[in-house]
């Protein structure tokens, strides 16, 4: 099992995109669109105060017929942000995301934000791990040396 720290090291772009709680939702959606991401952490200084996702936008702006240009991020963000540490393993993260229906987990070390992992990052990692195991088993069965 790989740790979150190891998964973060494999990401080509480890930038965590953030926004302030008083910014308009429109700015958060534009940032997500420009960066091809599904969530932005809401920060006040170095403190995570929430997360805003495409799901938040769809449910709290579009379906409620609100304006994304006049509604601040704080009005739609999810405040109870669940996070993990860099030592957490991929299986525990996957279980947490499945159980809580999350798609993004901030990674904190000693209270400081060091990264963000997505469900896609975990799926990619677990598939890679399984392909390696299959390859090793095939080599064992056929008697080939890897």
C-alpha atoms as a PDB file:
ATOM      1  CA  UNK A   1       0.000   0.000   0.000  1.00  0.00           C
ATOM      2  CA  UNK A   2       1.245   3.427  -0.945  1.00  0.00           C
ATOM      3  CA  UNK A   3       1.119   6.410   1.363  1.00  0.00           C
ATOM      4  CA  UNK A   4      -0.461   9.744   0.506  1.00  0.00           C
ATOM      5  CA  UNK A   5       3.048  11.276   0.510  1.00  0.00           C
ATOM      6  CA  UNK A   6       4.125   8.829  -2.219  1.00  0.00           C
ATOM      7  CA  UNK A   7       0.983   9.530  -4.248  1.00  0.00           C
ATOM      8  CA  UNK A   8       1.580  13.290  -4.012  1.00  0.00           C
ATOM      9  CA  UNK A   9       5.118  12.800  -5.348  1.00  0.00           C
ATOM     10  CA  UNK A  10       3.750  11.153  -8.509  1.00  0.00           C
ATOM     11  CA  UNK A  11       1.430  14.051  -9.353  1.00  0.00           C
ATOM     12  CA  UNK A  12       2.834  16.147 -12.218  1.00  0.00           C
ATOM     13  CA  UNK A  13       1.318  19.335 -10.770  1.00  0.00           C
ATOM     14  CA  UNK A  14       1.096  19.485  -6.998  1.00  0.00           C
ATOM     15  CA  UNK A  15      -0.284  23.017  -6.896  1.00  0.00           C
ATOM     16  CA  UNK A  16      -3.270  23.363  -4.570  1.00  0.00           C
ATOM     17  CA  UNK A  17      -5.593  26.054  -5.868  1.00  0.00           C
ATOM     18  CA  UNK A  18      -7.274  28.183  -3.243  1.00  0.00           C
ATOM     19  CA  UNK A  19      -9.721  31.050  -2.956  1.00  0.00           C
ATOM     20  CA  UNK A  20     -10.839  33.426  -0.211  1.00  0.00           C
ATOM     21  CA  UNK A  21     -14.294  33.013   1.379  1.00  0.00           C
ATOM     22  CA  UNK A  22     -15.356  36.523   0.325  1.00  0.00           C
ATOM     23  CA  UNK A  23     -14.561  35.918  -3.371  1.00  0.00           C
ATOM     24  CA  UNK A  24     -17.543  35.537  -5.715  1.00  0.00           C
ATOM     25  CA  UNK A  25     -18.513  31.976  -6.590  1.00  0.00           C
ATOM     26  CA  UNK A  26     -18.002  32.956 -10.239  1.00  0.00           C
ATOM     27  CA  UNK A  27     -14.247  33.363  -9.564  1.00  0.00           C
ATOM     28  CA  UNK A  28     -14.075  29.896  -7.995  1.00  0.00           C
ATOM     29  CA  UNK A  29     -15.866  28.320 -10.967  1.00  0.00           C
ATOM     30  CA  UNK A  30     -13.649  30.186 -13.429  1.00  0.00           C
ATOM     31  CA  UNK A  31     -10.539  28.947 -11.570  1.00  0.00           C
ATOM     32  CA  UNK A  32     -11.820  25.366 -11.630  1.00  0.00           C
ATOM     33  CA  UNK A  33     -12.530  25.655 -15.353  1.00  0.00           C
ATOM     34  CA  UNK A  34      -9.130  27.184 -16.186  1.00  0.00           C
ATOM     35  CA  UNK A  35      -7.239  24.555 -14.179  1.00  0.00           C
ATOM     36  CA  UNK A  36      -9.509  21.609 -15.114  1.00  0.00           C
ATOM     37  CA  UNK A  37     -10.131  20.780 -11.456  1.00  0.00           C
ATOM     38  CA  UNK A  38     -13.281  19.916  -9.529  1.00  0.00           C
ATOM     39  CA  UNK A  39     -12.628  21.664  -6.224  1.00  0.00           C
ATOM     40  CA  UNK A  40     -10.908  24.673  -4.682  1.00  0.00           C
ATOM     41  CA  UNK A  41      -9.902  24.977  -1.045  1.00  0.00           C
ATOM     42  CA  UNK A  42     -11.235  28.037   0.746  1.00  0.00           C
ATOM     43  CA  UNK A  43      -8.490  29.639   2.820  1.00  0.00           C
ATOM     44  CA  UNK A  44      -8.145  32.498   5.282  1.00  0.00           C
ATOM     45  CA  UNK A  45      -4.408  32.971   5.546  1.00  0.00           C
ATOM     46  CA  UNK A  46      -2.935  29.517   6.183  1.00  0.00           C
ATOM     47  CA  UNK A  47      -6.192  28.100   7.593  1.00  0.00           C
ATOM     48  CA  UNK A  48      -8.588  25.924   5.608  1.00  0.00           C
ATOM     49  CA  UNK A  49     -12.096  27.235   6.289  1.00  0.00           C
ATOM     50  CA  UNK A  50     -13.901  25.230   3.620  1.00  0.00           C
ATOM     51  CA  UNK A  51     -13.914  23.613   0.220  1.00  0.00           C
ATOM     52  CA  UNK A  52     -16.033  24.556  -2.772  1.00  0.00           C
ATOM     53  CA  UNK A  53     -16.753  21.964  -5.442  1.00  0.00           C
ATOM     54  CA  UNK A  54     -18.619  21.689  -8.711  1.00  0.00           C
ATOM     55  CA  UNK A  55     -21.261  19.806  -6.745  1.00  0.00           C
ATOM     56  CA  UNK A  56     -21.661  22.759  -4.342  1.00  0.00           C
ATOM     57  CA  UNK A  57     -22.098  25.064  -7.342  1.00  0.00           C
ATOM     58  CA  UNK A  58     -24.710  22.850  -9.001  1.00  0.00           C
ATOM     59  CA  UNK A  59     -26.740  22.362  -5.838  1.00  0.00           C
ATOM     60  CA  UNK A  60     -26.406  25.753  -4.158  1.00  0.00           C
ATOM     61  CA  UNK A  61     -26.245  28.163  -7.077  1.00  0.00           C
ATOM     62  CA  UNK A  62     -27.789  26.619 -10.180  1.00  0.00           C
ATOM     63  CA  UNK A  63     -30.647  24.702  -8.541  1.00  0.00           C
ATOM     64  CA  UNK A  64     -31.417  27.570  -6.156  1.00  0.00           C
ATOM     65  CA  UNK A  65     -31.395  30.124  -8.995  1.00  0.00           C
ATOM     66  CA  UNK A  66     -28.714  32.273  -7.324  1.00  0.00           C
ATOM     67  CA  UNK A  67     -26.151  34.503  -8.995  1.00  0.00           C
ATOM     68  CA  UNK A  68     -22.581  33.207  -9.030  1.00  0.00           C
ATOM     69  CA  UNK A  69     -21.293  36.762  -9.508  1.00  0.00           C
ATOM     70  CA  UNK A  70     -22.965  38.180  -6.400  1.00  0.00           C
ATOM     71  CA  UNK A  71     -22.837  35.156  -4.067  1.00  0.00           C
ATOM     72  CA  UNK A  72     -19.670  34.829  -1.975  1.00  0.00           C
ATOM     73  CA  UNK A  73     -17.914  31.465  -1.768  1.00  0.00           C
ATOM     74  CA  UNK A  74     -18.570  31.326   2.009  1.00  0.00           C
ATOM     75  CA  UNK A  75     -22.309  30.982   1.293  1.00  0.00           C
ATOM     76  CA  UNK A  76     -21.940  27.715  -0.621  1.00  0.00           C
ATOM     77  CA  UNK A  77     -18.685  26.157   0.623  1.00  0.00           C
ATOM     78  CA  UNK A  78     -18.607  22.965   2.624  1.00  0.00           C
ATOM     79  CA  UNK A  79     -17.277  23.993   6.022  1.00  0.00           C
ATOM     80  CA  UNK A  80     -16.518  20.610   7.591  1.00  0.00           C
ATOM     81  CA  UNK A  81     -13.419  19.720   5.588  1.00  0.00           C
ATOM     82  CA  UNK A  82     -12.108  16.211   6.128  1.00  0.00           C
ATOM     83  CA  UNK A  83      -8.367  15.852   5.633  1.00  0.00           C
ATOM     84  CA  UNK A  84      -5.628  13.244   5.886  1.00  0.00           C
ATOM     85  CA  UNK A  85      -1.955  13.194   6.790  1.00  0.00           C
ATOM     86  CA  UNK A  86       0.872  12.221   4.429  1.00  0.00           C
ATOM     87  CA  UNK A  87       1.379   8.899   6.244  1.00  0.00           C
ATOM     88  CA  UNK A  88      -2.193   7.713   5.498  1.00  0.00           C
ATOM     89  CA  UNK A  89      -2.393   4.823   3.031  1.00  0.00           C
ATOM     90  CA  UNK A  90      -4.313   4.733  -0.246  1.00  0.00           C
ATOM     91  CA  UNK A  91      -6.803   2.082   0.936  1.00  0.00           C
ATOM     92  CA  UNK A  92      -7.794   4.103   4.012  1.00  0.00           C
ATOM     93  CA  UNK A  93      -8.235   7.212   1.860  1.00  0.00           C
ATOM     94  CA  UNK A  94     -10.372   5.309  -0.634  1.00  0.00           C
ATOM     95  CA  UNK A  95     -12.529   3.932   2.192  1.00  0.00           C
ATOM     96  CA  UNK A  96     -12.903   7.416   3.695  1.00  0.00           C
ATOM     97  CA  UNK A  97     -13.850   8.954   0.360  1.00  0.00           C
ATOM     98  CA  UNK A  98     -16.340   6.197  -0.394  1.00  0.00           C
ATOM     99  CA  UNK A  99     -17.902   6.281   3.065  1.00  0.00           C
ATOM    100  CA  UNK A 100     -18.201  10.082   3.183  1.00  0.00           C
ATOM    101  CA  UNK A 101     -18.945  10.501  -0.554  1.00  0.00           C
ATOM    102  CA  UNK A 102     -15.957  12.795  -1.050  1.00  0.00           C
ATOM    103  CA  UNK A 103     -13.941  13.433  -4.184  1.00  0.00           C
ATOM    104  CA  UNK A 104     -11.109  15.493  -2.682  1.00  0.00           C
ATOM    105  CA  UNK A 105      -8.977  15.228   0.456  1.00  0.00           C
ATOM    106  CA  UNK A 106      -6.603  17.960   1.583  1.00  0.00           C
ATOM    107  CA  UNK A 107      -3.316  16.670   2.990  1.00  0.00           C
ATOM    108  CA  UNK A 108      -2.059  18.369   6.142  1.00  0.00           C
ATOM    109  CA  UNK A 109       1.264  17.848   7.897  1.00  0.00           C
ATOM    110  CA  UNK A 110       1.701  19.444  11.327  1.00  0.00           C
ATOM    111  CA  UNK A 111      -1.372  21.566  10.573  1.00  0.00           C
ATOM    112  CA  UNK A 112       0.067  22.886   7.307  1.00  0.00           C
ATOM    113  CA  UNK A 113      -1.467  22.233   3.883  1.00  0.00           C
ATOM    114  CA  UNK A 114       0.962  20.221   1.735  1.00  0.00           C
ATOM    115  CA  UNK A 115      -1.292  18.875  -0.998  1.00  0.00           C
ATOM    116  CA  UNK A 116      -4.653  17.684  -2.224  1.00  0.00           C
ATOM    117  CA  UNK A 117      -5.548  14.241  -3.517  1.00  0.00           C
ATOM    118  CA  UNK A 118      -8.578  13.401  -5.603  1.00  0.00           C
ATOM    119  CA  UNK A 119     -10.528  10.220  -6.096  1.00  0.00           C
ATOM    120  CA  UNK A 120      -8.886  10.094  -9.544  1.00  0.00           C
ATOM    121  CA  UNK A 121      -5.414  10.149  -7.989  1.00  0.00           C
ATOM    122  CA  UNK A 122      -6.351   7.208  -5.769  1.00  0.00           C
ATOM    123  CA  UNK A 123      -7.970   5.177  -8.533  1.00  0.00           C
ATOM    124  CA  UNK A 124      -4.914   5.696 -10.766  1.00  0.00           C
ATOM    125  CA  UNK A 125      -2.607   4.606  -7.941  1.00  0.00           C
ATOM    126  CA  UNK A 126      -4.622   1.529  -6.991  1.00  0.00           C
ATOM    127  CA  UNK A 127      -4.903   0.410 -10.638  1.00  0.00           C
ATOM    128  CA  UNK A 128      -1.137   0.814 -11.050  1.00  0.00           C
ATOM    129  CA  UNK A 129      -0.542  -1.229  -7.899  1.00  0.00           C
ATOM    130  CA  UNK A 130      -2.868  -3.986  -9.097  1.00  0.00           C
ATOM    131  CA  UNK A 131      -1.234  -4.093 -12.545  1.00  0.00           C
ATOM    132  CA  UNK A 132       2.151  -4.554 -10.863  1.00  0.00           C
ATOM    133  CA  UNK A 133       0.819  -7.434  -8.745  1.00  0.00           C
ATOM    134  CA  UNK A 134      -0.729  -9.092 -11.809  1.00  0.00           C
ATOM    135  CA  UNK A 135       2.562  -8.767 -13.693  1.00  0.00           C
ATOM    136  CA  UNK A 136       4.479 -10.325 -10.797  1.00  0.00           C
ATOM    137  CA  UNK A 137       2.000 -13.203 -10.529  1.00  0.00           C
ATOM    138  CA  UNK A 138       2.157 -13.847 -14.287  1.00  0.00           C
ATOM    139  CA  UNK A 139       5.951 -13.953 -14.111  1.00  0.00           C
ATOM    140  CA  UNK A 140       5.802 -16.342 -11.174  1.00  0.00           C
ATOM    141  CA  UNK A 141       3.321 -18.649 -12.907  1.00  0.00           C
ATOM    142  CA  UNK A 142       5.249 -18.754 -16.191  1.00  0.00           C
ATOM    143  CA  UNK A 143       8.611 -19.015 -14.464  1.00  0.00           C
ATOM    144  CA  UNK A 144       9.920 -15.836 -16.109  1.00  0.00           C
ATOM    145  CA  UNK A 145      12.168 -13.458 -14.217  1.00  0.00           C
ATOM    146  CA  UNK A 146      10.951  -9.865 -14.095  1.00  0.00           C
END
